[in-house]
Amino acid sequence: MKRKKENLYSQKGIKKAEIFLGVLLVLGLLLQPCLAVLSPNYIAKNQAGRPLNSPGVSSFGTTLAYGDFLFLNDTTWVPGSYGETILDWRWSLTNLSNFTDFTINNDQNATFGPFVADGNSYLLNLTVNASDGSQYSPTEMVYQVSDNRNFISVDYDAVPAYDDRTPTNPNGTITFRDLSYSYLDPMVKTTEWWWKWTDLSTGISKTLSGQDHFTEDMSDTNFMVNLTVNNSLGNLVSITGKTSIPPDKVYPIANFSVIPKSGGAPLEIGITDQALSMVNYTVSDVPLSYNYTIWNNTGVNVFGKEFKTKNLNVTLPDPGVYHVIQNVTNSFGVSDEYTVSDIVVTDLTL
């Protein structure tokens, strides 16, 4: 039997045509220039690293404390491997009480603050532009500023441990302790804490949540400490403080004795160290290093070198008048010079 020629408009023909058109559509899409599909997002935190609501990020809320800062970091992702990049950013913050605008352009990160107006609300918007012309603005967020200083007292202290030394940490440690409390205690207690501390010498910052104290190795620097505390009613208070490290006045004092101070050449003298490491006018065990030089009355370094031992015996070979100078150093500074003068060595042959 002769097979009938299939009609293009038959059911089978229509099905084949649909498949053919579908293949053509897929090929057309694949061969088109690929445009970036932006996945805009940002991270928002307060000055102590407390997470704040931002698009796609679950966090703690949108309330900023009196004096707080709003730290923003764009995390917009441009997918694919076609070289698209973010060209610029525009951060816009509007005070909804008076519609004053604050804008930061061309910066992936932005900082606004300090906020000191109680009860004011601020509308934040971010616009990002990609190299392929794509533009996107994430969902706008509103941040509220509240002054809760009548509910919580926020404070901390810094406690040094100069004896907490190791071979890799010669200075001891410093521990920062929370001293915050709720004025409504015991009915309402402080429940959450966020810490951020920054070594101002290195610029390195660290964050910690919880009341737990944090401890760092001591060095001669300054720490910027941010602390935000929340109570069970949701009242937030935030503070910023700068702490000198070490927090106590740690300074070395040079001092020593010489015996004997006179005699015939050659004269052996004993130099006995009496230097001190002081902490707030109290003697500490912060280690000292030593530097002695011995001079004659014509300004010549008799031995042509420095002595580094704590105590020493030396022999002055020639007649003359000598003096000994000591400097001592600890991890936090150098002492003033201390001098024992008029060490007289006589010529026994005369």
C-alpha atoms as a PDB file:
ATOM      1  CA  MET A   1       0.000   0.000   0.000  1.00  0.00           C
ATOM      2  CA  LYS A   2       1.340   3.454  -0.892  1.00  0.00           C
ATOM      3  CA  ARG A   3       2.047   5.598   2.148  1.00  0.00           C
ATOM      4  CA  LYS A   4       0.291   8.932   2.188  1.00  0.00           C
ATOM      5  CA  LYS A   5       2.522  11.994   2.158  1.00  0.00           C
ATOM      6  CA  GLU A   6       2.475  13.602   5.584  1.00  0.00           C
ATOM      7  CA  ASN A   7       0.752  16.953   5.688  1.00  0.00           C
ATOM      8  CA  LEU A   8       2.682  19.736   7.379  1.00  0.00           C
ATOM      9  CA  TYR A   9      -0.491  20.691   9.203  1.00  0.00           C
ATOM     10  CA  SER A  10      -1.201  17.210  10.492  1.00  0.00           C
ATOM     11  CA  GLN A  11      -0.807  16.491  14.182  1.00  0.00           C
ATOM     12  CA  LYS A  12       2.579  14.855  13.659  1.00  0.00           C
ATOM     13  CA  GLY A  13       3.698  17.704  11.447  1.00  0.00           C
ATOM     14  CA  ILE A  14       2.759  20.296  14.019  1.00  0.00           C
ATOM     15  CA  LYS A  15       4.651  18.385  16.697  1.00  0.00           C
ATOM     16  CA  LYS A  16       7.789  18.208  14.562  1.00  0.00           C
ATOM     17  CA  ALA A  17       7.521  21.905  13.753  1.00  0.00           C
ATOM     18  CA  GLU A  18       7.264  22.753  17.452  1.00  0.00           C
ATOM     19  CA  ILE A  19      10.372  20.719  18.217  1.00  0.00           C
ATOM     20  CA  PHE A  20      12.247  22.340  15.349  1.00  0.00           C
ATOM     21  CA  LEU A  21      11.294  25.854  16.446  1.00  0.00           C
ATOM     22  CA  GLY A  22      12.251  25.038  20.027  1.00  0.00           C
ATOM     23  CA  VAL A  23      15.706  23.936  18.921  1.00  0.00           C
ATOM     24  CA  LEU A  24      16.108  27.118  16.882  1.00  0.00           C
ATOM     25  CA  LEU A  25      15.085  29.232  19.906  1.00  0.00           C
ATOM     26  CA  VAL A  26      17.599  27.542  22.221  1.00  0.00           C
ATOM     27  CA  LEU A  27      20.363  27.945  19.646  1.00  0.00           C
ATOM     28  CA  GLY A  28      19.438  31.581  19.212  1.00  0.00           C
ATOM     29  CA  LEU A  29      19.662  32.233  22.940  1.00  0.00           C
ATOM     30  CA  LEU A  30      22.974  30.430  23.233  1.00  0.00           C
ATOM     31  CA  LEU A  31      24.471  32.402  20.374  1.00  0.00           C
ATOM     32  CA  GLN A  32      23.306  35.784  21.677  1.00  0.00           C
ATOM     33  CA  PRO A  33      25.793  37.972  23.622  1.00  0.00           C
ATOM     34  CA  CYS A  34      25.431  37.029  27.305  1.00  0.00           C
ATOM     35  CA  LEU A  35      24.284  39.841  29.577  1.00  0.00           C
ATOM     36  CA  ALA A  36      24.939  39.817  33.312  1.00  0.00           C
ATOM     37  CA  VAL A  37      22.077  38.965  35.573  1.00  0.00           C
ATOM     38  CA  LEU A  38      22.853  40.960  38.714  1.00  0.00           C
ATOM     39  CA  SER A  39      22.277  39.390  42.085  1.00  0.00           C
ATOM     40  CA  PRO A  40      22.527  42.565  44.170  1.00  0.00           C
ATOM     41  CA  ASN A  41      22.972  42.396  47.875  1.00  0.00           C
ATOM     42  CA  TYR A  42      24.833  44.096  50.680  1.00  0.00           C
ATOM     43  CA  ILE A  43      25.806  43.472  54.285  1.00  0.00           C
ATOM     44  CA  ALA A  44      24.896  46.039  56.926  1.00  0.00           C
ATOM     45  CA  LYS A  45      26.416  46.227  60.416  1.00  0.00           C
ATOM     46  CA  ASN A  46      26.653  48.723  63.211  1.00  0.00           C
ATOM     47  CA  GLN A  47      29.938  50.010  64.633  1.00  0.00           C
ATOM     48  CA  ALA A  48      30.408  46.938  66.859  1.00  0.00           C
ATOM     49  CA  GLY A  49      29.742  44.414  64.103  1.00  0.00           C
ATOM     50  CA  ARG A  50      26.116  43.793  65.071  1.00  0.00           C
ATOM     51  CA  PRO A  51      24.324  42.513  61.927  1.00  0.00           C
ATOM     52  CA  LEU A  52      21.496  44.690  60.630  1.00  0.00           C
ATOM     53  CA  ASN A  53      18.762  43.797  58.183  1.00  0.00           C
ATOM     54  CA  SER A  54      19.797  43.931  54.538  1.00  0.00           C
ATOM     55  CA  PRO A  55      18.367  42.310  51.396  1.00  0.00           C
ATOM     56  CA  GLY A  56      18.572  38.539  51.566  1.00  0.00           C
ATOM     57  CA  VAL A  57      20.381  38.507  54.906  1.00  0.00           C
ATOM     58  CA  SER A  58      18.680  37.361  58.078  1.00  0.00           C
ATOM     59  CA  SER A  59      19.900  39.419  61.010  1.00  0.00           C
ATOM     60  CA  PHE A  60      18.847  41.141  64.185  1.00  0.00           C
ATOM     61  CA  GLY A  61      16.872  44.208  63.190  1.00  0.00           C
ATOM     62  CA  THR A  62      17.043  47.713  61.831  1.00  0.00           C
ATOM     63  CA  THR A  63      17.643  49.728  65.009  1.00  0.00           C
ATOM     64  CA  LEU A  64      20.766  51.833  65.478  1.00  0.00           C
ATOM     65  CA  ALA A  65      21.794  53.131  68.873  1.00  0.00           C
ATOM     66  CA  TYR A  66      22.489  56.761  69.670  1.00  0.00           C
ATOM     67  CA  GLY A  67      25.972  57.637  68.377  1.00  0.00           C
ATOM     68  CA  ASP A  68      26.135  54.516  66.228  1.00  0.00           C
ATOM     69  CA  PHE A  69      27.549  54.110  62.735  1.00  0.00           C
ATOM     70  CA  LEU A  70      26.124  52.194  59.770  1.00  0.00           C
ATOM     71  CA  PHE A  71      28.799  50.143  57.964  1.00  0.00           C
ATOM     72  CA  LEU A  72      27.848  48.831  54.523  1.00  0.00           C
ATOM     73  CA  ASN A  73      29.535  46.364  52.182  1.00  0.00           C
ATOM     74  CA  ASP A  74      28.167  45.573  48.729  1.00  0.00           C
ATOM     75  CA  THR A  75      28.229  41.862  47.872  1.00  0.00           C
ATOM     76  CA  THR A  76      26.533  42.055  44.463  1.00  0.00           C
ATOM     77  CA  TRP A  77      27.448  39.047  42.360  1.00  0.00           C
ATOM     78  CA  VAL A  78      27.814  39.180  38.574  1.00  0.00           C
ATOM     79  CA  PRO A  79      27.476  35.548  37.367  1.00  0.00           C
ATOM     80  CA  GLY A  80      29.178  34.003  34.397  1.00  0.00           C
ATOM     81  CA  SER A  81      32.667  34.241  32.979  1.00  0.00           C
ATOM     82  CA  TYR A  82      32.160  36.932  30.361  1.00  0.00           C
ATOM     83  CA  GLY A  83      34.141  39.693  32.027  1.00  0.00           C
ATOM     84  CA  GLU A  84      31.236  41.715  33.405  1.00  0.00           C
ATOM     85  CA  THR A  85      32.158  43.798  36.413  1.00  0.00           C
ATOM     86  CA  ILE A  86      30.504  46.335  38.673  1.00  0.00           C
ATOM     87  CA  LEU A  87      31.520  49.789  37.473  1.00  0.00           C
ATOM     88  CA  ASP A  88      30.096  51.936  40.237  1.00  0.00           C
ATOM     89  CA  TRP A  89      27.912  52.059  43.299  1.00  0.00           C
ATOM     90  CA  ARG A  90      25.614  54.741  44.631  1.00  0.00           C
ATOM     91  CA  TRP A  91      24.629  54.630  48.288  1.00  0.00           C
ATOM     92  CA  SER A  92      21.813  56.998  49.202  1.00  0.00           C
ATOM     93  CA  LEU A  93      20.589  57.580  52.765  1.00  0.00           C
ATOM     94  CA  THR A  94      17.553  59.809  53.329  1.00  0.00           C
ATOM     95  CA  ASN A  95      16.506  61.235  56.684  1.00  0.00           C
ATOM     96  CA  LEU A  96      12.749  60.677  56.597  1.00  0.00           C
ATOM     97  CA  SER A  97      12.055  63.432  59.135  1.00  0.00           C
ATOM     98  CA  ASN A  98      13.434  66.243  56.974  1.00  0.00           C
ATOM     99  CA  PHE A  99      14.230  64.418  53.687  1.00  0.00           C
ATOM    100  CA  THR A 100      17.898  65.325  53.839  1.00  0.00           C
ATOM    101  CA  ASP A 101      19.935  63.101  51.527  1.00  0.00           C
ATOM    102  CA  PHE A 102      23.418  61.741  52.154  1.00  0.00           C
ATOM    103  CA  THR A 103      25.140  60.106  49.187  1.00  0.00           C
ATOM    104  CA  ILE A 104      28.346  58.113  48.719  1.00  0.00           C
ATOM    105  CA  ASN A 105      29.389  57.305  45.144  1.00  0.00           C
ATOM    106  CA  ASN A 106      31.903  54.952  43.534  1.00  0.00           C
ATOM    107  CA  ASP A 107      32.697  53.003  46.682  1.00  0.00           C
ATOM    108  CA  GLN A 108      31.853  49.360  47.257  1.00  0.00           C
ATOM    109  CA  ASN A 109      31.876  50.031  50.997  1.00  0.00           C
ATOM    110  CA  ALA A 110      30.194  52.953  52.721  1.00  0.00           C
ATOM    111  CA  THR A 111      29.937  54.309  56.245  1.00  0.00           C
ATOM    112  CA  PHE A 112      27.259  56.659  57.558  1.00  0.00           C
ATOM    113  CA  GLY A 113      27.138  58.228  61.006  1.00  0.00           C
ATOM    114  CA  PRO A 114      27.339  58.948  63.825  1.00  0.00           C
ATOM    115  CA  PHE A 115      23.571  59.011  64.307  1.00  0.00           C
ATOM    116  CA  VAL A 116      22.497  61.177  67.246  1.00  0.00           C
ATOM    117  CA  ALA A 117      18.892  62.132  66.441  1.00  0.00           C
ATOM    118  CA  ASP A 118      16.598  60.025  68.600  1.00  0.00           C
ATOM    119  CA  GLY A 119      13.578  58.597  66.803  1.00  0.00           C
ATOM    120  CA  ASN A 120      14.694  59.522  63.299  1.00  0.00           C
ATOM    121  CA  SER A 121      14.331  57.003  60.502  1.00  0.00           C
ATOM    122  CA  TYR A 122      16.656  56.688  57.514  1.00  0.00           C
ATOM    123  CA  LEU A 123      15.860  55.141  54.132  1.00  0.00           C
ATOM    124  CA  LEU A 124      18.821  53.388  52.499  1.00  0.00           C
ATOM    125  CA  ASN A 125      19.067  52.636  48.787  1.00  0.00           C
ATOM    126  CA  LEU A 126      21.915  51.087  46.802  1.00  0.00           C
ATOM    127  CA  THR A 127      22.195  51.298  43.010  1.00  0.00           C
ATOM    128  CA  VAL A 128      24.826  49.233  41.196  1.00  0.00           C
ATOM    129  CA  ASN A 129      25.830  49.479  37.537  1.00  0.00           C
ATOM    130  CA  ALA A 130      27.555  46.678  35.624  1.00  0.00           C
ATOM    131  CA  SER A 131      29.846  46.931  32.618  1.00  0.00           C
ATOM    132  CA  ASP A 132      27.179  45.481  30.288  1.00  0.00           C
ATOM    133  CA  GLY A 133      24.722  48.232  31.146  1.00  0.00           C
ATOM    134  CA  SER A 134      22.713  46.302  33.723  1.00  0.00           C
ATOM    135  CA  GLN A 135      21.512  48.309  36.703  1.00  0.00           C
ATOM    136  CA  TYR A 136      19.813  47.207  39.870  1.00  0.00           C
ATOM    137  CA  SER A 137      18.666  48.644  43.178  1.00  0.00           C
ATOM    138  CA  PRO A 138      18.105  46.184  46.041  1.00  0.00           C
ATOM    139  CA  THR A 139      15.076  46.486  48.256  1.00  0.00           C
ATOM    140  CA  GLU A 140      15.178  49.735  50.193  1.00  0.00           C
ATOM    141  CA  MET A 141      15.709  49.381  53.941  1.00  0.00           C
ATOM    142  CA  VAL A 142      14.649  51.720  56.754  1.00  0.00           C
ATOM    143  CA  TYR A 143      16.890  52.081  59.813  1.00  0.00           C
ATOM    144  CA  GLN A 144      15.632  53.578  63.079  1.00  0.00           C
ATOM    145  CA  VAL A 145      17.786  55.523  65.557  1.00  0.00           C
ATOM    146  CA  SER A 146      16.952  55.197  69.262  1.00  0.00           C
ATOM    147  CA  ASP A 147      18.520  56.763  72.338  1.00  0.00           C
ATOM    148  CA  ASN A 148      18.277  54.148  75.108  1.00  0.00           C
ATOM    149  CA  ARG A 149      20.976  55.478  77.437  1.00  0.00           C
ATOM    150  CA  ASN A 150      18.405  55.781  80.224  1.00  0.00           C
ATOM    151  CA  PHE A 151      17.962  51.995  80.139  1.00  0.00           C
ATOM    152  CA  ILE A 152      21.516  50.639  79.922  1.00  0.00           C
ATOM    153  CA  SER A 153      24.930  51.748  81.131  1.00  0.00           C
ATOM    154  CA  VAL A 154      27.586  50.480  78.704  1.00  0.00           C
ATOM    155  CA  ASP A 155      31.211  50.348  79.769  1.00  0.00           C
ATOM    156  CA  TYR A 156      34.299  48.125  79.740  1.00  0.00           C
ATOM    157  CA  ASP A 157      37.740  48.033  81.288  1.00  0.00           C
ATOM    158  CA  ALA A 158      41.135  46.714  80.235  1.00  0.00           C
ATOM    159  CA  VAL A 159      43.135  44.538  82.623  1.00  0.00           C
ATOM    160  CA  PRO A 160      46.800  43.798  81.830  1.00  0.00           C
ATOM    161  CA  ALA A 161      48.616  40.610  82.816  1.00  0.00           C
ATOM    162  CA  TYR A 162      52.305  41.420  82.465  1.00  0.00           C
ATOM    163  CA  ASP A 163      53.315  38.003  83.769  1.00  0.00           C
ATOM    164  CA  ASP A 164      51.269  36.153  81.132  1.00  0.00           C
ATOM    165  CA  ARG A 165      54.252  35.849  78.813  1.00  0.00           C
ATOM    166  CA  THR A 166      55.383  33.201  76.374  1.00  0.00           C
ATOM    167  CA  PRO A 167      58.435  32.945  74.103  1.00  0.00           C
ATOM    168  CA  THR A 168      56.345  34.344  71.245  1.00  0.00           C
ATOM    169  CA  ASN A 169      54.614  36.957  73.407  1.00  0.00           C
ATOM    170  CA  PRO A 170      57.180  38.746  75.577  1.00  0.00           C
ATOM    171  CA  ASN A 171      54.824  41.481  76.822  1.00  0.00           C
ATOM    172  CA  GLY A 172      51.957  39.646  78.502  1.00  0.00           C
ATOM    173  CA  THR A 173      48.285  39.930  77.638  1.00  0.00           C
ATOM    174  CA  ILE A 174      45.464  42.436  77.964  1.00  0.00           C
ATOM    175  CA  THR A 175      41.877  41.402  78.732  1.00  0.00           C
ATOM    176  CA  PHE A 176      38.872  43.598  77.965  1.00  0.00           C
ATOM    177  CA  ARG A 177      35.916  43.033  80.296  1.00  0.00           C
ATOM    178  CA  ASP A 178      32.299  44.093  79.953  1.00  0.00           C
ATOM    179  CA  LEU A 179      31.063  46.341  82.786  1.00  0.00           C
ATOM    180  CA  SER A 180      27.601  47.082  81.334  1.00  0.00           C
ATOM    181  CA  TYR A 181      24.413  46.769  83.348  1.00  0.00           C
ATOM    182  CA  SER A 182      20.698  47.458  83.019  1.00  0.00           C
ATOM    183  CA  TYR A 183      19.212  50.228  85.145  1.00  0.00           C
ATOM    184  CA  LEU A 184      16.070  48.073  85.431  1.00  0.00           C
ATOM    185  CA  ASP A 185      17.963  45.061  86.784  1.00  0.00           C
ATOM    186  CA  PRO A 186      16.897  42.515  88.083  1.00  0.00           C
ATOM    187  CA  MET A 187      13.586  42.759  86.187  1.00  0.00           C
ATOM    188  CA  VAL A 188      15.258  43.592  82.888  1.00  0.00           C
ATOM    189  CA  LYS A 189      18.754  42.318  82.202  1.00  0.00           C
ATOM    190  CA  THR A 190      21.322  42.846  79.486  1.00  0.00           C
ATOM    191  CA  THR A 191      21.055  39.890  77.136  1.00  0.00           C
ATOM    192  CA  GLU A 192      23.262  40.474  74.082  1.00  0.00           C
ATOM    193  CA  TRP A 193      26.702  41.964  73.468  1.00  0.00           C
ATOM    194  CA  TRP A 194      28.675  42.732  70.317  1.00  0.00           C
ATOM    195  CA  TRP A 195      32.368  43.663  70.401  1.00  0.00           C
ATOM    196  CA  LYS A 196      34.644  45.051  67.748  1.00  0.00           C
ATOM    197  CA  TRP A 197      38.214  45.986  68.495  1.00  0.00           C
ATOM    198  CA  THR A 198      40.821  47.465  66.156  1.00  0.00           C
ATOM    199  CA  ASP A 199      44.574  47.659  66.623  1.00  0.00           C
ATOM    200  CA  LEU A 200      45.261  51.209  65.441  1.00  0.00           C
ATOM    201  CA  SER A 201      48.905  50.373  64.666  1.00  0.00           C
ATOM    202  CA  THR A 202      48.068  47.565  62.233  1.00  0.00           C
ATOM    203  CA  GLY A 203      44.464  48.402  61.286  1.00  0.00           C
ATOM    204  CA  ILE A 204      43.424  44.793  62.009  1.00  0.00           C
ATOM    205  CA  SER A 205      39.890  44.459  63.406  1.00  0.00           C
ATOM    206  CA  LYS A 206      38.223  41.549  65.157  1.00  0.00           C
ATOM    207  CA  THR A 207      34.648  40.976  66.290  1.00  0.00           C
ATOM    208  CA  LEU A 208      33.035  38.908  69.019  1.00  0.00           C
ATOM    209  CA  SER A 209      29.449  38.433  70.182  1.00  0.00           C
ATOM    210  CA  GLY A 210      28.574  37.559  73.754  1.00  0.00           C
ATOM    211  CA  GLN A 211      29.563  38.860  77.156  1.00  0.00           C
ATOM    212  CA  ASP A 212      32.754  36.797  77.124  1.00  0.00           C
ATOM    213  CA  HIS A 213      35.851  38.862  77.694  1.00  0.00           C
ATOM    214  CA  PHE A 214      38.405  39.018  74.904  1.00  0.00           C
ATOM    215  CA  THR A 215      42.164  38.829  75.375  1.00  0.00           C
ATOM    216  CA  GLU A 216      44.971  40.059  73.128  1.00  0.00           C
ATOM    217  CA  ASP A 217      48.750  39.999  73.275  1.00  0.00           C
ATOM    218  CA  MET A 218      50.055  43.322  74.475  1.00  0.00           C
ATOM    219  CA  SER A 219      52.133  45.623  72.325  1.00  0.00           C
ATOM    220  CA  ASP A 220      52.804  49.334  72.405  1.00  0.00           C
ATOM    221  CA  THR A 221      49.706  50.487  70.509  1.00  0.00           C
ATOM    222  CA  ASN A 222      46.173  51.818  70.861  1.00  0.00           C
ATOM    223  CA  PHE A 223      42.961  49.811  70.574  1.00  0.00           C
ATOM    224  CA  MET A 224      39.684  51.254  69.341  1.00  0.00           C
ATOM    225  CA  VAL A 225      36.922  49.318  71.087  1.00  0.00           C
ATOM    226  CA  ASN A 226      33.256  49.351  70.006  1.00  0.00           C
ATOM    227  CA  LEU A 227      30.680  47.736  72.254  1.00  0.00           C
ATOM    228  CA  THR A 228      26.911  47.448  71.716  1.00  0.00           C
ATOM    229  CA  VAL A 229      24.651  46.028  74.420  1.00  0.00           C
ATOM    230  CA  ASN A 230      20.997  44.992  74.172  1.00  0.00           C
ATOM    231  CA  ASN A 231      18.555  44.236  76.984  1.00  0.00           C
ATOM    232  CA  SER A 232      15.523  41.962  77.069  1.00  0.00           C
ATOM    233  CA  LEU A 233      13.247  44.882  76.099  1.00  0.00           C
ATOM    234  CA  GLY A 234      15.260  45.487  72.936  1.00  0.00           C
ATOM    235  CA  ASN A 235      16.943  48.661  74.162  1.00  0.00           C
ATOM    236  CA  LEU A 236      20.299  49.170  72.447  1.00  0.00           C
ATOM    237  CA  VAL A 237      23.229  51.277  73.636  1.00  0.00           C
ATOM    238  CA  SER A 238      26.527  51.573  71.783  1.00  0.00           C
ATOM    239  CA  ILE A 239      29.837  53.153  72.798  1.00  0.00           C
ATOM    240  CA  THR A 240      33.270  53.688  71.285  1.00  0.00           C
ATOM    241  CA  GLY A 241      36.440  54.003  73.331  1.00  0.00           C
ATOM    242  CA  LYS A 242      40.176  54.206  72.697  1.00  0.00           C
ATOM    243  CA  THR A 243      42.454  52.332  75.080  1.00  0.00           C
ATOM    244  CA  SER A 244      46.205  52.778  75.209  1.00  0.00           C
ATOM    245  CA  ILE A 245      48.128  49.521  75.382  1.00  0.00           C
ATOM    246  CA  PRO A 246      49.537  48.982  77.890  1.00  0.00           C
ATOM    247  CA  PRO A 247      46.756  50.674  79.868  1.00  0.00           C
ATOM    248  CA  ASP A 248      49.028  51.419  82.844  1.00  0.00           C
ATOM    249  CA  LYS A 249      52.083  53.623  82.714  1.00  0.00           C
ATOM    250  CA  VAL A 250      54.865  51.098  82.145  1.00  0.00           C
ATOM    251  CA  TYR A 251      58.326  52.630  82.125  1.00  0.00           C
ATOM    252  CA  PRO A 252      61.893  51.536  82.897  1.00  0.00           C
ATOM    253  CA  ILE A 253      64.129  53.389  85.382  1.00  0.00           C
ATOM    254  CA  ALA A 254      67.891  53.001  85.025  1.00  0.00           C
ATOM    255  CA  ASN A 255      69.944  52.610  88.215  1.00  0.00           C
ATOM    256  CA  PHE A 256      73.097  50.749  89.264  1.00  0.00           C
ATOM    257  CA  SER A 257      76.038  50.884  91.660  1.00  0.00           C
ATOM    258  CA  VAL A 258      79.810  50.605  91.174  1.00  0.00           C
ATOM    259  CA  ILE A 259      82.232  49.111  93.728  1.00  0.00           C
ATOM    260  CA  PRO A 260      84.934  50.198  94.274  1.00  0.00           C
ATOM    261  CA  LYS A 261      84.950  53.754  92.957  1.00  0.00           C
ATOM    262  CA  SER A 262      88.671  54.305  93.457  1.00  0.00           C
ATOM    263  CA  GLY A 263      91.898  52.359  93.511  1.00  0.00           C
ATOM    264  CA  GLY A 264      95.160  51.761  91.733  1.00  0.00           C
ATOM    265  CA  ALA A 265      95.571  50.698  88.116  1.00  0.00           C
ATOM    266  CA  PRO A 266      94.622  48.190  86.940  1.00  0.00           C
ATOM    267  CA  LEU A 267      91.328  48.519  88.867  1.00  0.00           C
ATOM    268  CA  GLU A 268      88.611  45.859  88.675  1.00  0.00           C
ATOM    269  CA  ILE A 269      85.153  47.271  89.328  1.00  0.00           C
ATOM    270  CA  GLY A 270      81.839  45.481  89.822  1.00  0.00           C
ATOM    271  CA  ILE A 271      78.706  46.968  88.233  1.00  0.00           C
ATOM    272  CA  THR A 272      75.497  45.843  89.970  1.00  0.00           C
ATOM    273  CA  ASP A 273      72.167  46.561  88.319  1.00  0.00           C
ATOM    274  CA  GLN A 274      69.403  48.239  90.355  1.00  0.00           C
ATOM    275  CA  ALA A 275      67.107  49.239  87.477  1.00  0.00           C
ATOM    276  CA  LEU A 276      63.321  48.880  87.751  1.00  0.00           C
ATOM    277  CA  SER A 277      60.328  48.261  85.478  1.00  0.00           C
ATOM    278  CA  MET A 278      57.531  50.351  86.912  1.00  0.00           C
ATOM    279  CA  VAL A 279      53.790  49.982  86.346  1.00  0.00           C
ATOM    280  CA  ASN A 280      51.839  52.940  87.681  1.00  0.00           C
ATOM    281  CA  TYR A 281      54.576  53.616  90.251  1.00  0.00           C
ATOM    282  CA  THR A 282      54.676  49.958  91.307  1.00  0.00           C
ATOM    283  CA  VAL A 283      57.603  47.643  90.593  1.00  0.00           C
ATOM    284  CA  SER A 284      56.706  44.999  87.997  1.00  0.00           C
ATOM    285  CA  ASP A 285      58.434  41.962  86.524  1.00  0.00           C
ATOM    286  CA  VAL A 286      58.343  43.276  82.942  1.00  0.00           C
ATOM    287  CA  PRO A 287      61.775  42.180  81.615  1.00  0.00           C
ATOM    288  CA  LEU A 288      64.554  44.679  81.005  1.00  0.00           C
ATOM    289  CA  SER A 289      67.443  44.685  78.575  1.00  0.00           C
ATOM    290  CA  TYR A 290      70.690  46.520  79.383  1.00  0.00           C
ATOM    291  CA  ASN A 291      73.203  48.789  77.733  1.00  0.00           C
ATOM    292  CA  TYR A 292      76.386  49.988  79.527  1.00  0.00           C
ATOM    293  CA  THR A 293      79.168  52.138  78.163  1.00  0.00           C
ATOM    294  CA  ILE A 294      82.356  53.152  80.014  1.00  0.00           C
ATOM    295  CA  TRP A 295      84.022  56.461  79.202  1.00  0.00           C
ATOM    296  CA  ASN A 296      87.119  58.281  80.391  1.00  0.00           C
ATOM    297  CA  ASN A 297      87.314  61.976  81.116  1.00  0.00           C
ATOM    298  CA  THR A 298      88.465  62.766  77.560  1.00  0.00           C
ATOM    299  CA  GLY A 299      85.248  61.413  76.064  1.00  0.00           C
ATOM    300  CA  VAL A 300      86.658  58.135  74.763  1.00  0.00           C
ATOM    301  CA  ASN A 301      84.725  54.874  74.971  1.00  0.00           C
ATOM    302  CA  VAL A 302      87.377  52.918  76.839  1.00  0.00           C
ATOM    303  CA  PHE A 303      86.431  49.479  75.532  1.00  0.00           C
ATOM    304  CA  GLY A 304      84.989  50.654  72.210  1.00  0.00           C
ATOM    305  CA  LYS A 305      81.782  48.693  72.714  1.00  0.00           C
ATOM    306  CA  GLU A 306      78.593  48.332  74.740  1.00  0.00           C
ATOM    307  CA  PHE A 307      78.006  45.775  77.479  1.00  0.00           C
ATOM    308  CA  LYS A 308      74.638  43.983  77.418  1.00  0.00           C
ATOM    309  CA  THR A 309      74.689  41.880  80.596  1.00  0.00           C
ATOM    310  CA  LYS A 310      72.712  42.844  83.675  1.00  0.00           C
ATOM    311  CA  ASN A 311      75.716  42.780  86.032  1.00  0.00           C
ATOM    312  CA  LEU A 312      79.367  42.730  85.041  1.00  0.00           C
ATOM    313  CA  ASN A 313      82.945  43.030  86.248  1.00  0.00           C
ATOM    314  CA  VAL A 314      85.441  44.997  84.158  1.00  0.00           C
ATOM    315  CA  THR A 315      89.033  46.055  84.665  1.00  0.00           C
ATOM    316  CA  LEU A 316      90.038  49.663  84.089  1.00  0.00           C
ATOM    317  CA  PRO A 317      93.663  49.269  82.951  1.00  0.00           C
ATOM    318  CA  ASP A 318      94.976  52.822  83.031  1.00  0.00           C
ATOM    319  CA  PRO A 319      95.020  55.675  85.506  1.00  0.00           C
ATOM    320  CA  GLY A 320      92.351  58.289  84.963  1.00  0.00           C
ATOM    321  CA  VAL A 321      88.804  59.339  85.796  1.00  0.00           C
ATOM    322  CA  TYR A 322      85.992  57.199  84.433  1.00  0.00           C
ATOM    323  CA  HIS A 323      82.230  57.208  84.346  1.00  0.00           C
ATOM    324  CA  VAL A 324      79.724  54.448  83.527  1.00  0.00           C
ATOM    325  CA  ILE A 325      76.427  55.083  81.697  1.00  0.00           C
ATOM    326  CA  GLN A 326      73.439  52.720  81.784  1.00  0.00           C
ATOM    327  CA  ASN A 327      70.297  52.663  79.639  1.00  0.00           C
ATOM    328  CA  VAL A 328      67.608  50.053  80.216  1.00  0.00           C
ATOM    329  CA  THR A 329      64.775  49.100  77.875  1.00  0.00           C
ATOM    330  CA  ASN A 330      61.576  47.137  78.281  1.00  0.00           C
ATOM    331  CA  SER A 331      58.951  46.245  75.705  1.00  0.00           C
ATOM    332  CA  PHE A 332      57.255  49.607  76.097  1.00  0.00           C
ATOM    333  CA  GLY A 333      60.080  52.131  76.209  1.00  0.00           C
ATOM    334  CA  VAL A 334      63.633  53.251  76.952  1.00  0.00           C
ATOM    335  CA  SER A 335      64.823  54.773  80.211  1.00  0.00           C
ATOM    336  CA  ASP A 336      66.701  57.993  80.716  1.00  0.00           C
ATOM    337  CA  GLU A 337      70.453  57.608  81.154  1.00  0.00           C
ATOM    338  CA  TYR A 338      71.844  56.917  84.586  1.00  0.00           C
ATOM    339  CA  THR A 339      75.515  57.722  85.191  1.00  0.00           C
ATOM    340  CA  VAL A 340      78.002  56.866  87.939  1.00  0.00           C
ATOM    341  CA  SER A 341      80.839  59.395  87.635  1.00  0.00           C
ATOM    342  CA  ASP A 342      84.223  60.079  89.201  1.00  0.00           C
ATOM    343  CA  ILE A 343      85.579  56.565  89.306  1.00  0.00           C
ATOM    344  CA  VAL A 344      89.221  57.410  90.038  1.00  0.00           C
ATOM    345  CA  VAL A 345      92.045  55.083  89.043  1.00  0.00           C
ATOM    346  CA  THR A 346      95.494  56.125  90.324  1.00  0.00           C
ATOM    347  CA  ASP A 347      98.997  55.283  89.104  1.00  0.00           C
ATOM    348  CA  LEU A 348     100.590  53.125  91.790  1.00  0.00           C
ATOM    349  CA  THR A 349     104.061  53.507  90.243  1.00  0.00           C
ATOM    350  CA  LEU A 350     104.314  57.162  91.212  1.00  0.00           C
END
